[in-house]
Amino acid sequence: MASELAEYIGKQVVIDSNSHYLYIGILSEEGEEFITLKDVDVHDRRESSTAKDLYIIEALKYGTKINRHTVKVVRREIVSISLLSDVVEY
């Protein structure tokens, strides 16, 4: 069975979760319960005064602030996944 995320493997993605965490990293694997990211910026939005959209645009412009080598994100916590390169600057 072909993966719906196959075109994203090996590319930088932004994952919005239904928690306070935002993930920006390279999608390396996907499984039934987890999605694995490499070279990840795990951003707790409660610890920043920067709006989420502005934070993502800054990551696009200036690069990702990597603070984890590998992260497994629980699929049921994911609200959306997009390519970082698909972010529209305003």
PDB file of N, CA and C in Angstrom:
ATOM      1  N   MET A   1       0.839  -1.183   0.000  1.00  0.00           N
ATOM      2  CA  MET A   1       0.000   0.000   0.000  1.00  0.00           C
ATOM      3  C   MET A   1       0.888   1.252   0.000  1.00  0.00           C
ATOM      4  N   ALA A   2       0.613   2.167  -0.883  1.00  0.00           N
ATOM      5  CA  ALA A   2       1.388   3.402  -0.980  1.00  0.00           C
ATOM      6  C   ALA A   2       1.047   4.326   0.184  1.00  0.00           C
ATOM      7  N   SER A   3       2.047   4.999   0.682  1.00  0.00           N
ATOM      8  CA  SER A   3       1.867   5.926   1.790  1.00  0.00           C
ATOM      9  C   SER A   3       1.351   7.271   1.285  1.00  0.00           C
ATOM     10  N   GLU A   4       0.463   7.871   2.051  1.00  0.00           N
ATOM     11  CA  GLU A   4      -0.024   9.212   1.711  1.00  0.00           C
ATOM     12  C   GLU A   4       1.056  10.267   1.916  1.00  0.00           C
ATOM     13  N   LEU A   5       2.060   9.950   2.719  1.00  0.00           N
ATOM     14  CA  LEU A   5       3.124  10.905   3.015  1.00  0.00           C
ATOM     15  C   LEU A   5       4.427  10.588   2.285  1.00  0.00           C
ATOM     16  N   ALA A   6       4.412   9.646   1.366  1.00  0.00           N
ATOM     17  CA  ALA A   6       5.633   9.216   0.678  1.00  0.00           C
ATOM     18  C   ALA A   6       6.373  10.385   0.036  1.00  0.00           C
ATOM     19  N   GLU A   7       5.647  11.333  -0.523  1.00  0.00           N
ATOM     20  CA  GLU A   7       6.289  12.475  -1.182  1.00  0.00           C
ATOM     21  C   GLU A   7       6.982  13.412  -0.192  1.00  0.00           C
ATOM     22  N   TYR A   8       6.682  13.268   1.111  1.00  0.00           N
ATOM     23  CA  TYR A   8       7.290  14.121   2.131  1.00  0.00           C
ATOM     24  C   TYR A   8       8.536  13.496   2.763  1.00  0.00           C
ATOM     25  N   ILE A   9       8.752  12.205   2.564  1.00  0.00           N
ATOM     26  CA  ILE A   9       9.901  11.525   3.170  1.00  0.00           C
ATOM     27  C   ILE A   9      11.200  12.179   2.686  1.00  0.00           C
ATOM     28  N   GLY A  10      12.076  12.505   3.645  1.00  0.00           N
ATOM     29  CA  GLY A  10      13.354  13.130   3.335  1.00  0.00           C
ATOM     30  C   GLY A  10      13.287  14.640   3.198  1.00  0.00           C
ATOM     31  N   LYS A  11      12.114  15.214   3.411  1.00  0.00           N
ATOM     32  CA  LYS A  11      11.947  16.670   3.283  1.00  0.00           C
ATOM     33  C   LYS A  11      11.583  17.286   4.631  1.00  0.00           C
ATOM     34  N   GLN A  12      11.870  18.585   4.754  1.00  0.00           N
ATOM     35  CA  GLN A  12      11.511  19.300   5.978  1.00  0.00           C
ATOM     36  C   GLN A  12      10.013  19.534   6.016  1.00  0.00           C
ATOM     37  N   VAL A  13       9.419  19.176   7.160  1.00  0.00           N
ATOM     38  CA  VAL A  13       7.979  19.344   7.342  1.00  0.00           C
ATOM     39  C   VAL A  13       7.698  20.129   8.607  1.00  0.00           C
ATOM     40  N   VAL A  14       6.497  20.680   8.651  1.00  0.00           N
ATOM     41  CA  VAL A  14       5.963  21.343   9.838  1.00  0.00           C
ATOM     42  C   VAL A  14       4.790  20.492  10.300  1.00  0.00           C
ATOM     43  N   ILE A  15       4.816  20.103  11.562  1.00  0.00           N
ATOM     44  CA  ILE A  15       3.709  19.343  12.133  1.00  0.00           C
ATOM     45  C   ILE A  15       3.050  20.182  13.213  1.00  0.00           C
ATOM     46  N   ASP A  16       1.778  20.487  12.992  1.00  0.00           N
ATOM     47  CA  ASP A  16       0.953  21.128  14.012  1.00  0.00           C
ATOM     48  C   ASP A  16       0.306  20.012  14.817  1.00  0.00           C
ATOM     49  N   SER A  17       0.382  20.118  16.131  1.00  0.00           N
ATOM     50  CA  SER A  17      -0.218  19.091  16.982  1.00  0.00           C
ATOM     51  C   SER A  17      -1.375  19.687  17.766  1.00  0.00           C
ATOM     52  N   ASN A  18      -2.171  18.828  18.364  1.00  0.00           N
ATOM     53  CA  ASN A  18      -3.274  19.342  19.168  1.00  0.00           C
ATOM     54  C   ASN A  18      -2.824  19.597  20.606  1.00  0.00           C
ATOM     55  N   SER A  19      -1.514  19.691  20.793  1.00  0.00           N
ATOM     56  CA  SER A  19      -0.946  20.112  22.074  1.00  0.00           C
ATOM     57  C   SER A  19      -0.295  21.478  21.852  1.00  0.00           C
ATOM     58  N   HIS A  20       0.542  21.888  22.774  1.00  0.00           N
ATOM     59  CA  HIS A  20       1.239  23.180  22.652  1.00  0.00           C
ATOM     60  C   HIS A  20       2.510  23.069  21.816  1.00  0.00           C
ATOM     61  N   TYR A  21       2.784  21.877  21.280  1.00  0.00           N
ATOM     62  CA  TYR A  21       4.037  21.657  20.575  1.00  0.00           C
ATOM     63  C   TYR A  21       3.890  21.758  19.064  1.00  0.00           C
ATOM     64  N   LEU A  22       4.912  22.342  18.473  1.00  0.00           N
ATOM     65  CA  LEU A  22       5.051  22.471  17.034  1.00  0.00           C
ATOM     66  C   LEU A  22       6.362  21.774  16.687  1.00  0.00           C
ATOM     67  N   TYR A  23       6.372  21.005  15.614  1.00  0.00           N
ATOM     68  CA  TYR A  23       7.553  20.255  15.211  1.00  0.00           C
ATOM     69  C   TYR A  23       7.964  20.674  13.807  1.00  0.00           C
ATOM     70  N   ILE A  24       9.256  20.975  13.647  1.00  0.00           N
ATOM     71  CA  ILE A  24       9.810  21.267  12.333  1.00  0.00           C
ATOM     72  C   ILE A  24      11.032  20.374  12.173  1.00  0.00           C
ATOM     73  N   GLY A  25      10.986  19.482  11.186  1.00  0.00           N
ATOM     74  CA  GLY A  25      12.100  18.568  10.997  1.00  0.00           C
ATOM     75  C   GLY A  25      11.958  17.781   9.709  1.00  0.00           C
ATOM     76  N   ILE A  26      12.896  16.890   9.485  1.00  0.00           N
ATOM     77  CA  ILE A  26      12.906  16.073   8.270  1.00  0.00           C
ATOM     78  C   ILE A  26      12.133  14.786   8.536  1.00  0.00           C
ATOM     79  N   LEU A  27      11.108  14.556   7.753  1.00  0.00           N
ATOM     80  CA  LEU A  27      10.309  13.339   7.894  1.00  0.00           C
ATOM     81  C   LEU A  27      11.139  12.159   7.416  1.00  0.00           C
ATOM     82  N   SER A  28      11.409  11.209   8.318  1.00  0.00           N
ATOM     83  CA  SER A  28      12.256  10.080   7.940  1.00  0.00           C
ATOM     84  C   SER A  28      11.483   8.772   7.844  1.00  0.00           C
ATOM     85  N   GLU A  29      10.466   8.605   8.667  1.00  0.00           N
ATOM     86  CA  GLU A  29       9.686   7.361   8.644  1.00  0.00           C
ATOM     87  C   GLU A  29       8.264   7.636   9.094  1.00  0.00           C
ATOM     88  N   GLU A  30       7.376   6.756   8.687  1.00  0.00           N
ATOM     89  CA  GLU A  30       6.025   6.804   9.224  1.00  0.00           C
ATOM     90  C   GLU A  30       5.557   5.394   9.503  1.00  0.00           C
ATOM     91  N   GLY A  31       4.872   5.259  10.601  1.00  0.00           N
ATOM     92  CA  GLY A  31       4.315   3.978  10.984  1.00  0.00           C
ATOM     93  C   GLY A  31       2.849   4.152  11.326  1.00  0.00           C
ATOM     94  N   GLU A  32       2.250   3.098  11.804  1.00  0.00           N
ATOM     95  CA  GLU A  32       0.831   3.169  12.135  1.00  0.00           C
ATOM     96  C   GLU A  32       0.558   4.090  13.304  1.00  0.00           C
ATOM     97  N   GLU A  33       1.472   4.133  14.286  1.00  0.00           N
ATOM     98  CA  GLU A  33       1.231   4.925  15.486  1.00  0.00           C
ATOM     99  C   GLU A  33       2.108   6.167  15.601  1.00  0.00           C
ATOM    100  N   PHE A  34       3.261   6.165  14.920  1.00  0.00           N
ATOM    101  CA  PHE A  34       4.205   7.271  15.064  1.00  0.00           C
ATOM    102  C   PHE A  34       4.712   7.737  13.706  1.00  0.00           C
ATOM    103  N   ILE A  35       5.120   9.008  13.683  1.00  0.00           N
ATOM    104  CA  ILE A  35       5.855   9.580  12.560  1.00  0.00           C
ATOM    105  C   ILE A  35       7.212   9.994  13.128  1.00  0.00           C
ATOM    106  N   THR A  36       8.285   9.625  12.454  1.00  0.00           N
ATOM    107  CA  THR A  36       9.626   9.907  12.947  1.00  0.00           C
ATOM    108  C   THR A  36      10.231  11.063  12.165  1.00  0.00           C
ATOM    109  N   LEU A  37      10.753  12.029  12.922  1.00  0.00           N
ATOM    110  CA  LEU A  37      11.439  13.190  12.349  1.00  0.00           C
ATOM    111  C   LEU A  37      12.893  13.154  12.772  1.00  0.00           C
ATOM    112  N   LYS A  38      13.767  13.684  11.926  1.00  0.00           N
ATOM    113  CA  LYS A  38      15.201  13.839  12.214  1.00  0.00           C
ATOM    114  C   LYS A  38      15.539  15.329  12.176  1.00  0.00           C
ATOM    115  N   ASP A  39      16.590  15.696  12.894  1.00  0.00           N
ATOM    116  CA  ASP A  39      17.054  17.097  12.938  1.00  0.00           C
ATOM    117  C   ASP A  39      15.869  18.027  13.191  1.00  0.00           C
ATOM    118  N   VAL A  40      15.342  17.939  14.396  1.00  0.00           N
ATOM    119  CA  VAL A  40      14.039  18.519  14.725  1.00  0.00           C
ATOM    120  C   VAL A  40      14.138  19.728  15.643  1.00  0.00           C
ATOM    121  N   ASP A  41      13.292  20.698  15.375  1.00  0.00           N
ATOM    122  CA  ASP A  41      13.019  21.793  16.296  1.00  0.00           C
ATOM    123  C   ASP A  41      11.678  21.469  16.947  1.00  0.00           C
ATOM    124  N   VAL A  42      11.722  21.078  18.228  1.00  0.00           N
ATOM    125  CA  VAL A  42      10.495  20.875  19.001  1.00  0.00           C
ATOM    126  C   VAL A  42      10.255  22.192  19.723  1.00  0.00           C
ATOM    127  N   HIS A  43       9.182  22.863  19.365  1.00  0.00           N
ATOM    128  CA  HIS A  43       8.913  24.205  19.888  1.00  0.00           C
ATOM    129  C   HIS A  43       7.663  24.190  20.759  1.00  0.00           C
ATOM    130  N   ASP A  44       7.840  24.533  22.033  1.00  0.00           N
ATOM    131  CA  ASP A  44       6.721  24.663  22.964  1.00  0.00           C
ATOM    132  C   ASP A  44       6.211  26.091  22.857  1.00  0.00           C
ATOM    133  N   ARG A  45       5.045  26.247  22.279  1.00  0.00           N
ATOM    134  CA  ARG A  45       4.512  27.588  22.021  1.00  0.00           C
ATOM    135  C   ARG A  45       4.217  28.361  23.300  1.00  0.00           C
ATOM    136  N   ARG A  46       4.109  27.696  24.434  1.00  0.00           N
ATOM    137  CA  ARG A  46       3.877  28.400  25.704  1.00  0.00           C
ATOM    138  C   ARG A  46       5.115  29.144  26.163  1.00  0.00           C
ATOM    139  N   GLU A  47       6.286  28.778  25.640  1.00  0.00           N
ATOM    140  CA  GLU A  47       7.539  29.369  26.086  1.00  0.00           C
ATOM    141  C   GLU A  47       8.036  30.487  25.171  1.00  0.00           C
ATOM    142  N   SER A  48       7.177  30.964  24.300  1.00  0.00           N
ATOM    143  CA  SER A  48       7.592  31.985  23.341  1.00  0.00           C
ATOM    144  C   SER A  48       6.472  33.004  23.150  1.00  0.00           C
ATOM    145  N   SER A  49       6.860  34.234  22.980  1.00  0.00           N
ATOM    146  CA  SER A  49       5.868  35.270  22.690  1.00  0.00           C
ATOM    147  C   SER A  49       5.658  35.431  21.181  1.00  0.00           C
ATOM    148  N   THR A  50       6.447  34.698  20.391  1.00  0.00           N
ATOM    149  CA  THR A  50       6.337  34.765  18.937  1.00  0.00           C
ATOM    150  C   THR A  50       5.128  33.965  18.475  1.00  0.00           C
ATOM    151  N   ALA A  51       4.308  34.565  17.622  1.00  0.00           N
ATOM    152  CA  ALA A  51       3.151  33.861  17.071  1.00  0.00           C
ATOM    153  C   ALA A  51       3.611  32.648  16.272  1.00  0.00           C
ATOM    154  N   LYS A  52       2.805  31.592  16.272  1.00  0.00           N
ATOM    155  CA  LYS A  52       3.171  30.344  15.607  1.00  0.00           C
ATOM    156  C   LYS A  52       3.522  30.569  14.147  1.00  0.00           C
ATOM    157  N   ASP A  53       2.706  31.301  13.412  1.00  0.00           N
ATOM    158  CA  ASP A  53       2.965  31.525  11.988  1.00  0.00           C
ATOM    159  C   ASP A  53       4.275  32.266  11.764  1.00  0.00           C
ATOM    160  N   LEU A  54       4.558  33.257  12.586  1.00  0.00           N
ATOM    161  CA  LEU A  54       5.810  34.003  12.465  1.00  0.00           C
ATOM    162  C   LEU A  54       7.005  33.104  12.791  1.00  0.00           C
ATOM    163  N   TYR A  55       6.858  32.237  13.779  1.00  0.00           N
ATOM    164  CA  TYR A  55       7.931  31.308  14.138  1.00  0.00           C
ATOM    165  C   TYR A  55       8.264  30.398  12.952  1.00  0.00           C
ATOM    166  N   ILE A  56       7.241  29.902  12.281  1.00  0.00           N
ATOM    167  CA  ILE A  56       7.441  29.025  11.129  1.00  0.00           C
ATOM    168  C   ILE A  56       8.089  29.787   9.981  1.00  0.00           C
ATOM    169  N   ILE A  57       7.652  31.012   9.728  1.00  0.00           N
ATOM    170  CA  ILE A  57       8.247  31.827   8.664  1.00  0.00           C
ATOM    171  C   ILE A  57       9.723  32.101   8.963  1.00  0.00           C
ATOM    172  N   GLU A  58      10.050  32.356  10.227  1.00  0.00           N
ATOM    173  CA  GLU A  58      11.455  32.570  10.597  1.00  0.00           C
ATOM    174  C   GLU A  58      12.279  31.310  10.370  1.00  0.00           C
ATOM    175  N   ALA A  59      11.693  30.139  10.630  1.00  0.00           N
ATOM    176  CA  ALA A  59      12.397  28.877  10.362  1.00  0.00           C
ATOM    177  C   ALA A  59      12.648  28.723   8.868  1.00  0.00           C
ATOM    178  N   LEU A  60      11.698  29.137   8.064  1.00  0.00           N
ATOM    179  CA  LEU A  60      11.849  29.078   6.613  1.00  0.00           C
ATOM    180  C   LEU A  60      12.962  30.022   6.147  1.00  0.00           C
ATOM    181  N   LYS A  61      12.979  31.235   6.680  1.00  0.00           N
ATOM    182  CA  LYS A  61      13.960  32.244   6.269  1.00  0.00           C
ATOM    183  C   LYS A  61      15.368  31.966   6.790  1.00  0.00           C
ATOM    184  N   TYR A  62      15.464  31.616   8.081  1.00  0.00           N
ATOM    185  CA  TYR A  62      16.765  31.575   8.744  1.00  0.00           C
ATOM    186  C   TYR A  62      17.254  30.167   9.094  1.00  0.00           C
ATOM    187  N   GLY A  63      16.421  29.172   8.878  1.00  0.00           N
ATOM    188  CA  GLY A  63      16.799  27.801   9.200  1.00  0.00           C
ATOM    189  C   GLY A  63      16.169  27.317  10.490  1.00  0.00           C
ATOM    190  N   THR A  64      16.179  26.020  10.636  1.00  0.00           N
ATOM    191  CA  THR A  64      15.570  25.365  11.785  1.00  0.00           C
ATOM    192  C   THR A  64      16.526  25.368  12.971  1.00  0.00           C
ATOM    193  N   LYS A  65      15.995  25.642  14.154  1.00  0.00           N
ATOM    194  CA  LYS A  65      16.776  25.596  15.400  1.00  0.00           C
ATOM    195  C   LYS A  65      16.691  24.173  15.946  1.00  0.00           C
ATOM    196  N   ILE A  66      17.581  23.331  15.493  1.00  0.00           N
ATOM    197  CA  ILE A  66      17.527  21.913  15.851  1.00  0.00           C
ATOM    198  C   ILE A  66      17.852  21.739  17.340  1.00  0.00           C
ATOM    199  N   ASN A  67      16.935  21.078  18.054  1.00  0.00           N
ATOM    200  CA  ASN A  67      17.173  20.778  19.460  1.00  0.00           C
ATOM    201  C   ASN A  67      16.949  19.304  19.793  1.00  0.00           C
ATOM    202  N   ARG A  68      16.676  18.488  18.781  1.00  0.00           N
ATOM    203  CA  ARG A  68      16.553  17.040  18.936  1.00  0.00           C
ATOM    204  C   ARG A  68      17.100  16.368  17.678  1.00  0.00           C
ATOM    205  N   HIS A  69      17.815  15.259  17.848  1.00  0.00           N
ATOM    206  CA  HIS A  69      18.284  14.498  16.687  1.00  0.00           C
ATOM    207  C   HIS A  69      17.131  13.715  16.069  1.00  0.00           C
ATOM    208  N   THR A  70      16.326  13.082  16.916  1.00  0.00           N
ATOM    209  CA  THR A  70      15.219  12.253  16.450  1.00  0.00           C
ATOM    210  C   THR A  70      14.021  12.436  17.372  1.00  0.00           C
ATOM    211  N   VAL A  71      12.838  12.500  16.778  1.00  0.00           N
ATOM    212  CA  VAL A  71      11.592  12.605  17.546  1.00  0.00           C
ATOM    213  C   VAL A  71      10.558  11.703  16.902  1.00  0.00           C
ATOM    214  N   LYS A  72       9.827  10.982  17.731  1.00  0.00           N
ATOM    215  CA  LYS A  72       8.686  10.211  17.265  1.00  0.00           C
ATOM    216  C   LYS A  72       7.436  10.949  17.728  1.00  0.00           C
ATOM    217  N   VAL A  73       6.605  11.349  16.778  1.00  0.00           N
ATOM    218  CA  VAL A  73       5.381  12.086  17.069  1.00  0.00           C
ATOM    219  C   VAL A  73       4.209  11.115  16.963  1.00  0.00           C
ATOM    220  N   VAL A  74       3.364  11.106  17.972  1.00  0.00           N
ATOM    221  CA  VAL A  74       2.199  10.226  17.983  1.00  0.00           C
ATOM    222  C   VAL A  74       1.210  10.712  16.925  1.00  0.00           C
ATOM    223  N   ARG A  75       0.825   9.828  16.025  1.00  0.00           N
ATOM    224  CA  ARG A  75      -0.050  10.212  14.903  1.00  0.00           C
ATOM    225  C   ARG A  75      -1.363  10.814  15.371  1.00  0.00           C
ATOM    226  N   ARG A  76      -1.942  10.288  16.426  1.00  0.00           N
ATOM    227  CA  ARG A  76      -3.252  10.785  16.870  1.00  0.00           C
ATOM    228  C   ARG A  76      -3.181  12.208  17.436  1.00  0.00           C
ATOM    229  N   GLU A  77      -1.966  12.701  17.695  1.00  0.00           N
ATOM    230  CA  GLU A  77      -1.775  14.071  18.181  1.00  0.00           C
ATOM    231  C   GLU A  77      -1.603  15.077  17.042  1.00  0.00           C
ATOM    232  N   ILE A  78      -1.473  14.586  15.822  1.00  0.00           N
ATOM    233  CA  ILE A  78      -1.181  15.452  14.680  1.00  0.00           C
ATOM    234  C   ILE A  78      -2.453  16.065  14.118  1.00  0.00           C
ATOM    235  N   VAL A  79      -2.418  17.391  13.953  1.00  0.00           N
ATOM    236  CA  VAL A  79      -3.522  18.119  13.343  1.00  0.00           C
ATOM    237  C   VAL A  79      -3.264  18.296  11.853  1.00  0.00           C
ATOM    238  N   SER A  80      -2.011  18.649  11.502  1.00  0.00           N
ATOM    239  CA  SER A  80      -1.667  18.832  10.094  1.00  0.00           C
ATOM    240  C   SER A  80      -0.173  18.641   9.881  1.00  0.00           C
ATOM    241  N   ILE A  81       0.161  18.279   8.640  1.00  0.00           N
ATOM    242  CA  ILE A  81       1.556  18.163   8.213  1.00  0.00           C
ATOM    243  C   ILE A  81       1.675  18.895   6.883  1.00  0.00           C
ATOM    244  N   SER A  82       2.686  19.758   6.781  1.00  0.00           N
ATOM    245  CA  SER A  82       2.931  20.426   5.507  1.00  0.00           C
ATOM    246  C   SER A  82       4.437  20.524   5.299  1.00  0.00           C
ATOM    247  N   LEU A  83       4.835  20.682   4.068  1.00  0.00           N
ATOM    248  CA  LEU A  83       6.239  20.930   3.768  1.00  0.00           C
ATOM    249  C   LEU A  83       6.603  22.334   4.234  1.00  0.00           C
ATOM    250  N   LEU A  84       7.769  22.474   4.812  1.00  0.00           N
ATOM    251  CA  LEU A  84       8.222  23.810   5.216  1.00  0.00           C
ATOM    252  C   LEU A  84       8.298  24.710   3.992  1.00  0.00           C
ATOM    253  N   SER A  85       8.679  24.150   2.863  1.00  0.00           N
ATOM    254  CA  SER A  85       8.781  24.940   1.639  1.00  0.00           C
ATOM    255  C   SER A  85       7.427  25.417   1.130  1.00  0.00           C
ATOM    256  N   ASP A  86       6.319  24.859   1.622  1.00  0.00           N
ATOM    257  CA  ASP A  86       4.980  25.304   1.238  1.00  0.00           C
ATOM    258  C   ASP A  86       4.452  26.447   2.082  1.00  0.00           C
ATOM    259  N   VAL A  87       5.222  26.852   3.100  1.00  0.00           N
ATOM    260  CA  VAL A  87       4.802  27.963   3.951  1.00  0.00           C
ATOM    261  C   VAL A  87       4.817  29.252   3.140  1.00  0.00           C
ATOM    262  N   VAL A  88       3.751  30.014   3.267  1.00  0.00           N
ATOM    263  CA  VAL A  88       3.614  31.273   2.527  1.00  0.00           C
ATOM    264  C   VAL A  88       3.992  32.430   3.450  1.00  0.00           C
ATOM    265  N   GLU A  89       4.968  33.197   3.009  1.00  0.00           N
ATOM    266  CA  GLU A  89       5.373  34.374   3.786  1.00  0.00           C
ATOM    267  C   GLU A  89       4.386  35.504   3.540  1.00  0.00           C
ATOM    268  N   TYR A  90       4.100  36.242   4.584  1.00  0.00           N
ATOM    269  CA  TYR A  90       3.193  37.391   4.447  1.00  0.00           C
ATOM    270  C   TYR A  90       3.845  38.639   4.957  1.00  0.00           C
TER     271      TYR A  90
END
